Amino acid sequence: MPELEQRLIDLEIKASFTEDLVDKLDQIIIRQQRQLDALTREVLALRDLANQPEQQGPRQARDELPPHY
């Protein structure tokens, strides 16, 4: 009987650790989903900005420099 009792205790401990791990992973997934949502909104905003016609007037010569300058 003591062996069965010890096995039951071990299973309860494992179940407790497993439950804690699942809770932590759930919080990580929630945080990552919020980050994905924010990044999606940012990409959409940048896409809208890129699709808008330029309203700044003529571009300056400095804007035309290649990236290595």
PDB file of N, CA and C in Angstrom:
ATOM      1  N   MET A   1       0.803  -1.204   0.000  1.00  0.00           N
ATOM      2  CA  MET A   1       0.000   0.000   0.000  1.00  0.00           C
ATOM      3  C   MET A   1       0.852   1.277   0.000  1.00  0.00           C
ATOM      4  N   PRO A   2       1.975   1.345   0.729  1.00  0.00           N
ATOM      5  CA  PRO A   2       2.785   2.576   0.713  1.00  0.00           C
ATOM      6  C   PRO A   2       3.331   2.891  -0.676  1.00  0.00           C
ATOM      7  N   GLU A   3       3.627   1.856  -1.464  1.00  0.00           N
ATOM      8  CA  GLU A   3       4.131   2.097  -2.816  1.00  0.00           C
ATOM      9  C   GLU A   3       3.066   2.772  -3.672  1.00  0.00           C
ATOM     10  N   LEU A   4       1.818   2.331  -3.550  1.00  0.00           N
ATOM     11  CA  LEU A   4       0.715   2.922  -4.293  1.00  0.00           C
ATOM     12  C   LEU A   4       0.499   4.371  -3.855  1.00  0.00           C
ATOM     13  N   GLU A   5       0.621   4.615  -2.582  1.00  0.00           N
ATOM     14  CA  GLU A   5       0.458   5.964  -2.057  1.00  0.00           C
ATOM     15  C   GLU A   5       1.561   6.897  -2.581  1.00  0.00           C
ATOM     16  N   GLN A   6       2.782   6.403  -2.627  1.00  0.00           N
ATOM     17  CA  GLN A   6       3.901   7.207  -3.135  1.00  0.00           C
ATOM     18  C   GLN A   6       3.727   7.503  -4.627  1.00  0.00           C
ATOM     19  N   ARG A   7       3.252   6.528  -5.372  1.00  0.00           N
ATOM     20  CA  ARG A   7       3.000   6.734  -6.799  1.00  0.00           C
ATOM     21  C   ARG A   7       1.929   7.796  -7.013  1.00  0.00           C
ATOM     22  N   LEU A   8       0.901   7.762  -6.175  1.00  0.00           N
ATOM     23  CA  LEU A   8      -0.165   8.752  -6.267  1.00  0.00           C
ATOM     24  C   LEU A   8       0.375  10.154  -5.962  1.00  0.00           C
ATOM     25  N   ILE A   9       1.211  10.264  -4.945  1.00  0.00           N
ATOM     26  CA  ILE A   9       1.826  11.552  -4.594  1.00  0.00           C
ATOM     27  C   ILE A   9       2.694  12.053  -5.745  1.00  0.00           C
ATOM     28  N   ASP A  10       3.485  11.163  -6.338  1.00  0.00           N
ATOM     29  CA  ASP A  10       4.328  11.541  -7.465  1.00  0.00           C
ATOM     30  C   ASP A  10       3.496  12.037  -8.645  1.00  0.00           C
ATOM     31  N   LEU A  11       2.388  11.369  -8.909  1.00  0.00           N
ATOM     32  CA  LEU A  11       1.510  11.791 -10.001  1.00  0.00           C
ATOM     33  C   LEU A  11       0.882  13.157  -9.718  1.00  0.00           C
ATOM     34  N   GLU A  12       0.509  13.400  -8.481  1.00  0.00           N
ATOM     35  CA  GLU A  12      -0.062  14.693  -8.112  1.00  0.00           C
ATOM     36  C   GLU A  12       0.978  15.805  -8.276  1.00  0.00           C
ATOM     37  N   ILE A  13       2.216  15.523  -7.923  1.00  0.00           N
ATOM     38  CA  ILE A  13       3.289  16.510  -8.081  1.00  0.00           C
ATOM     39  C   ILE A  13       3.514  16.804  -9.562  1.00  0.00           C
ATOM     40  N   LYS A  14       3.566  15.758 -10.370  1.00  0.00           N
ATOM     41  CA  LYS A  14       3.746  15.950 -11.817  1.00  0.00           C
ATOM     42  C   LYS A  14       2.582  16.735 -12.413  1.00  0.00           C
ATOM     43  N   ALA A  15       1.372  16.429 -11.979  1.00  0.00           N
ATOM     44  CA  ALA A  15       0.196  17.142 -12.490  1.00  0.00           C
ATOM     45  C   ALA A  15       0.257  18.616 -12.105  1.00  0.00           C
ATOM     46  N   SER A  16       0.732  18.895 -10.911  1.00  0.00           N
ATOM     47  CA  SER A  16       0.849  20.276 -10.458  1.00  0.00           C
ATOM     48  C   SER A  16       1.865  21.043 -11.302  1.00  0.00           C
ATOM     49  N   PHE A  17       3.025  20.442 -11.533  1.00  0.00           N
ATOM     50  CA  PHE A  17       4.042  21.084 -12.360  1.00  0.00           C
ATOM     51  C   PHE A  17       3.545  21.268 -13.796  1.00  0.00           C
ATOM     52  N   THR A  18       2.841  20.284 -14.298  1.00  0.00           N
ATOM     53  CA  THR A  18       2.306  20.367 -15.653  1.00  0.00           C
ATOM     54  C   THR A  18       1.289  21.497 -15.761  1.00  0.00           C
ATOM     55  N   GLU A  19       0.425  21.626 -14.790  1.00  0.00           N
ATOM     56  CA  GLU A  19      -0.573  22.690 -14.781  1.00  0.00           C
ATOM     57  C   GLU A  19       0.110  24.063 -14.738  1.00  0.00           C
ATOM     58  N   ASP A  20       1.148  24.198 -13.936  1.00  0.00           N
ATOM     59  CA  ASP A  20       1.891  25.452 -13.850  1.00  0.00           C
ATOM     60  C   ASP A  20       2.546  25.780 -15.190  1.00  0.00           C
ATOM     61  N   LEU A  21       3.129  24.790 -15.815  1.00  0.00           N
ATOM     62  CA  LEU A  21       3.762  24.992 -17.108  1.00  0.00           C
ATOM     63  C   LEU A  21       2.749  25.412 -18.168  1.00  0.00           C
ATOM     64  N   VAL A  22       1.602  24.788 -18.182  1.00  0.00           N
ATOM     65  CA  VAL A  22       0.554  25.126 -19.149  1.00  0.00           C
ATOM     66  C   VAL A  22       0.101  26.572 -18.930  1.00  0.00           C
ATOM     67  N   ASP A  23      -0.045  26.997 -17.684  1.00  0.00           N
ATOM     68  CA  ASP A  23      -0.425  28.381 -17.396  1.00  0.00           C
ATOM     69  C   ASP A  23       0.626  29.364 -17.909  1.00  0.00           C
ATOM     70  N   LYS A  24       1.901  29.056 -17.708  1.00  0.00           N
ATOM     71  CA  LYS A  24       2.976  29.929 -18.188  1.00  0.00           C
ATOM     72  C   LYS A  24       2.977  29.996 -19.708  1.00  0.00           C
ATOM     73  N   LEU A  25       2.816  28.859 -20.358  1.00  0.00           N
ATOM     74  CA  LEU A  25       2.791  28.836 -21.816  1.00  0.00           C
ATOM     75  C   LEU A  25       1.584  29.601 -22.364  1.00  0.00           C
ATOM     76  N   ASP A  26       0.473  29.510 -21.674  1.00  0.00           N
ATOM     77  CA  ASP A  26      -0.721  30.244 -22.078  1.00  0.00           C
ATOM     78  C   ASP A  26      -0.463  31.746 -22.022  1.00  0.00           C
ATOM     79  N   GLN A  27       0.203  32.216 -20.979  1.00  0.00           N
ATOM     80  CA  GLN A  27       0.529  33.633 -20.865  1.00  0.00           C
ATOM     81  C   GLN A  27       1.486  34.071 -21.967  1.00  0.00           C
ATOM     82  N   ILE A  28       2.423  33.221 -22.307  1.00  0.00           N
ATOM     83  CA  ILE A  28       3.358  33.538 -23.395  1.00  0.00           C
ATOM     84  C   ILE A  28       2.613  33.650 -24.717  1.00  0.00           C
ATOM     85  N   ILE A  29       1.688  32.754 -24.960  1.00  0.00           N
ATOM     86  CA  ILE A  29       0.905  32.788 -26.201  1.00  0.00           C
ATOM     87  C   ILE A  29       0.060  34.056 -26.264  1.00  0.00           C
ATOM     88  N   ILE A  30      -0.537  34.430 -25.150  1.00  0.00           N
ATOM     89  CA  ILE A  30      -1.335  35.662 -25.110  1.00  0.00           C
ATOM     90  C   ILE A  30      -0.465  36.868 -25.432  1.00  0.00           C
ATOM     91  N   ARG A  31       0.728  36.948 -24.828  1.00  0.00           N
ATOM     92  CA  ARG A  31       1.642  38.061 -25.070  1.00  0.00           C
ATOM     93  C   ARG A  31       2.083  38.098 -26.536  1.00  0.00           C
ATOM     94  N   GLN A  32       2.407  36.940 -27.095  1.00  0.00           N
ATOM     95  CA  GLN A  32       2.832  36.887 -28.491  1.00  0.00           C
ATOM     96  C   GLN A  32       1.697  37.278 -29.439  1.00  0.00           C
ATOM     97  N   GLN A  33       0.480  36.898 -29.121  1.00  0.00           N
ATOM     98  CA  GLN A  33      -0.652  37.268 -29.968  1.00  0.00           C
ATOM     99  C   GLN A  33      -0.850  38.776 -29.949  1.00  0.00           C
ATOM    100  N   ARG A  34      -0.684  39.395 -28.783  1.00  0.00           N
ATOM    101  CA  ARG A  34      -0.784  40.857 -28.704  1.00  0.00           C
ATOM    102  C   ARG A  34       0.305  41.515 -29.540  1.00  0.00           C
ATOM    103  N   GLN A  35       1.514  40.956 -29.495  1.00  0.00           N
ATOM    104  CA  GLN A  35       2.607  41.495 -30.300  1.00  0.00           C
ATOM    105  C   GLN A  35       2.306  41.347 -31.787  1.00  0.00           C
ATOM    106  N   LEU A  36       1.788  40.195 -32.175  1.00  0.00           N
ATOM    107  CA  LEU A  36       1.419  39.976 -33.581  1.00  0.00           C
ATOM    108  C   LEU A  36       0.346  40.955 -34.026  1.00  0.00           C
ATOM    109  N   ASP A  37      -0.644  41.193 -33.178  1.00  0.00           N
ATOM    110  CA  ASP A  37      -1.707  42.134 -33.514  1.00  0.00           C
ATOM    111  C   ASP A  37      -1.140  43.541 -33.695  1.00  0.00           C
ATOM    112  N   ALA A  38      -0.248  43.946 -32.794  1.00  0.00           N
ATOM    113  CA  ALA A  38       0.360  45.273 -32.894  1.00  0.00           C
ATOM    114  C   ALA A  38       1.201  45.397 -34.157  1.00  0.00           C
ATOM    115  N   LEU A  39       1.974  44.373 -34.468  1.00  0.00           N
ATOM    116  CA  LEU A  39       2.794  44.398 -35.681  1.00  0.00           C
ATOM    117  C   LEU A  39       1.938  44.417 -36.939  1.00  0.00           C
ATOM    118  N   THR A  40       0.839  43.700 -36.920  1.00  0.00           N
ATOM    119  CA  THR A  40      -0.074  43.697 -38.063  1.00  0.00           C
ATOM    120  C   THR A  40      -0.655  45.088 -38.287  1.00  0.00           C
ATOM    121  N   ARG A  41      -1.064  45.737 -37.190  1.00  0.00           N
ATOM    122  CA  ARG A  41      -1.590  47.105 -37.312  1.00  0.00           C
ATOM    123  C   ARG A  41      -0.521  48.054 -37.863  1.00  0.00           C
ATOM    124  N   GLU A  42       0.709  47.881 -37.396  1.00  0.00           N
ATOM    125  CA  GLU A  42       1.793  48.737 -37.854  1.00  0.00           C
ATOM    126  C   GLU A  42       2.084  48.526 -39.340  1.00  0.00           C
ATOM    127  N   VAL A  43       2.103  47.287 -39.782  1.00  0.00           N
ATOM    128  CA  VAL A  43       2.338  46.995 -41.205  1.00  0.00           C
ATOM    129  C   VAL A  43       1.215  47.590 -42.053  1.00  0.00           C
ATOM    130  N   LEU A  44      -0.015  47.455 -41.605  1.00  0.00           N
ATOM    131  CA  LEU A  44      -1.137  48.024 -42.358  1.00  0.00           C
ATOM    132  C   LEU A  44      -1.038  49.541 -42.427  1.00  0.00           C
ATOM    133  N   ALA A  45      -0.644  50.174 -41.320  1.00  0.00           N
ATOM    134  CA  ALA A  45      -0.485  51.624 -41.316  1.00  0.00           C
ATOM    135  C   ALA A  45       0.635  52.047 -42.262  1.00  0.00           C
ATOM    136  N   LEU A  46       1.743  51.309 -42.264  1.00  0.00           N
ATOM    137  CA  LEU A  46       2.842  51.631 -43.170  1.00  0.00           C
ATOM    138  C   LEU A  46       2.442  51.415 -44.630  1.00  0.00           C
ATOM    139  N   ARG A  47       1.670  50.377 -44.869  1.00  0.00           N
ATOM    140  CA  ARG A  47       1.196  50.121 -46.224  1.00  0.00           C
ATOM    141  C   ARG A  47       0.291  51.251 -46.696  1.00  0.00           C
ATOM    142  N   ASP A  48      -0.603  51.709 -45.812  1.00  0.00           N
ATOM    143  CA  ASP A  48      -1.475  52.827 -46.166  1.00  0.00           C
ATOM    144  C   ASP A  48      -0.657  54.083 -46.420  1.00  0.00           C
ATOM    145  N   LEU A  49       0.355  54.310 -45.598  1.00  0.00           N
ATOM    146  CA  LEU A  49       1.214  55.474 -45.769  1.00  0.00           C
ATOM    147  C   LEU A  49       1.972  55.406 -47.092  1.00  0.00           C
ATOM    148  N   ALA A  50       2.450  54.232 -47.446  1.00  0.00           N
ATOM    149  CA  ALA A  50       3.192  54.073 -48.695  1.00  0.00           C
ATOM    150  C   ALA A  50       2.290  54.244 -49.915  1.00  0.00           C
ATOM    151  N   ASN A  51       1.018  53.925 -49.782  1.00  0.00           N
ATOM    152  CA  ASN A  51       0.094  54.027 -50.906  1.00  0.00           C
ATOM    153  C   ASN A  51      -0.481  55.426 -51.080  1.00  0.00           C
ATOM    154  N   GLN A  52      -0.265  56.309 -50.128  1.00  0.00           N
ATOM    155  CA  GLN A  52      -0.774  57.669 -50.239  1.00  0.00           C
ATOM    156  C   GLN A  52       0.096  58.459 -51.208  1.00  0.00           C
ATOM    157  N   PRO A  53      -0.536  59.308 -51.997  1.00  0.00           N
ATOM    158  CA  PRO A  53       0.269  60.154 -52.885  1.00  0.00           C
ATOM    159  C   PRO A  53       1.085  61.131 -52.046  1.00  0.00           C
ATOM    160  N   GLU A  54       2.251  61.461 -52.552  1.00  0.00           N
ATOM    161  CA  GLU A  54       3.120  62.364 -51.808  1.00  0.00           C
ATOM    162  C   GLU A  54       2.498  63.749 -51.785  1.00  0.00           C
ATOM    163  N   GLN A  55       2.392  64.296 -50.593  1.00  0.00           N
ATOM    164  CA  GLN A  55       1.799  65.614 -50.429  1.00  0.00           C
ATOM    165  C   GLN A  55       2.841  66.603 -49.919  1.00  0.00           C
ATOM    166  N   GLN A  56       4.093  66.233 -49.938  1.00  0.00           N
ATOM    167  CA  GLN A  56       5.145  67.073 -49.414  1.00  0.00           C
ATOM    168  C   GLN A  56       5.691  68.020 -50.468  1.00  0.00           C
ATOM    169  N   GLY A  57       5.280  67.912 -51.656  1.00  0.00           N
ATOM    170  CA  GLY A  57       5.800  68.754 -52.705  1.00  0.00           C
ATOM    171  C   GLY A  57       6.982  68.091 -53.377  1.00  0.00           C
ATOM    172  N   PRO A  58       7.748  68.866 -54.096  1.00  0.00           N
ATOM    173  CA  PRO A  58       8.893  68.278 -54.802  1.00  0.00           C
ATOM    174  C   PRO A  58       9.936  67.756 -53.829  1.00  0.00           C
ATOM    175  N   ARG A  59      10.605  66.712 -54.230  1.00  0.00           N
ATOM    176  CA  ARG A  59      11.639  66.105 -53.389  1.00  0.00           C
ATOM    177  C   ARG A  59      12.906  66.930 -53.485  1.00  0.00           C
ATOM    178  N   GLN A  60      13.652  66.931 -52.424  1.00  0.00           N
ATOM    179  CA  GLN A  60      14.916  67.651 -52.405  1.00  0.00           C
ATOM    180  C   GLN A  60      16.015  66.751 -52.966  1.00  0.00           C
ATOM    181  N   ALA A  61      17.101  67.384 -53.401  1.00  0.00           N
ATOM    182  CA  ALA A  61      18.213  66.629 -53.974  1.00  0.00           C
ATOM    183  C   ALA A  61      18.810  65.680 -52.945  1.00  0.00           C
ATOM    184  N   ARG A  62      18.806  66.071 -51.691  1.00  0.00           N
ATOM    185  CA  ARG A  62      19.371  65.209 -50.646  1.00  0.00           C
ATOM    186  C   ARG A  62      18.589  63.903 -50.519  1.00  0.00           C
ATOM    187  N   ASP A  63      17.289  63.961 -50.775  1.00  0.00           N
ATOM    188  CA  ASP A  63      16.461  62.758 -50.714  1.00  0.00           C
ATOM    189  C   ASP A  63      16.818  61.771 -51.817  1.00  0.00           C
ATOM    190  N   GLU A  64      17.464  62.249 -52.855  1.00  0.00           N
ATOM    191  CA  GLU A  64      17.788  61.411 -53.988  1.00  0.00           C
ATOM    192  C   GLU A  64      19.157  60.730 -53.864  1.00  0.00           C
ATOM    193  N   LEU A  65      19.905  61.016 -52.821  1.00  0.00           N
ATOM    194  CA  LEU A  65      21.224  60.419 -52.666  1.00  0.00           C
ATOM    195  C   LEU A  65      21.119  58.919 -52.461  1.00  0.00           C
ATOM    196  N   PRO A  66      22.039  58.167 -53.025  1.00  0.00           N
ATOM    197  CA  PRO A  66      22.036  56.718 -52.787  1.00  0.00           C
ATOM    198  C   PRO A  66      22.301  56.432 -51.305  1.00  0.00           C
ATOM    199  N   PRO A  67      21.928  55.281 -50.833  1.00  0.00           N
ATOM    200  CA  PRO A  67      22.051  54.970 -49.413  1.00  0.00           C
ATOM    201  C   PRO A  67      23.466  54.946 -48.885  1.00  0.00           C
ATOM    202  N   HIS A  68      24.469  54.788 -49.741  1.00  0.00           N
ATOM    203  CA  HIS A  68      25.835  54.693 -49.256  1.00  0.00           C
ATOM    204  C   HIS A  68      26.467  56.051 -48.973  1.00  0.00           C
ATOM    205  N   TYR A  69      25.762  57.166 -49.240  1.00  0.00           N
ATOM    206  CA  TYR A  69      26.291  58.508 -48.938  1.00  0.00           C
ATOM    207  C   TYR A  69      25.908  58.933 -47.569  1.00  0.00           C
TER     208      TYR A  69
END
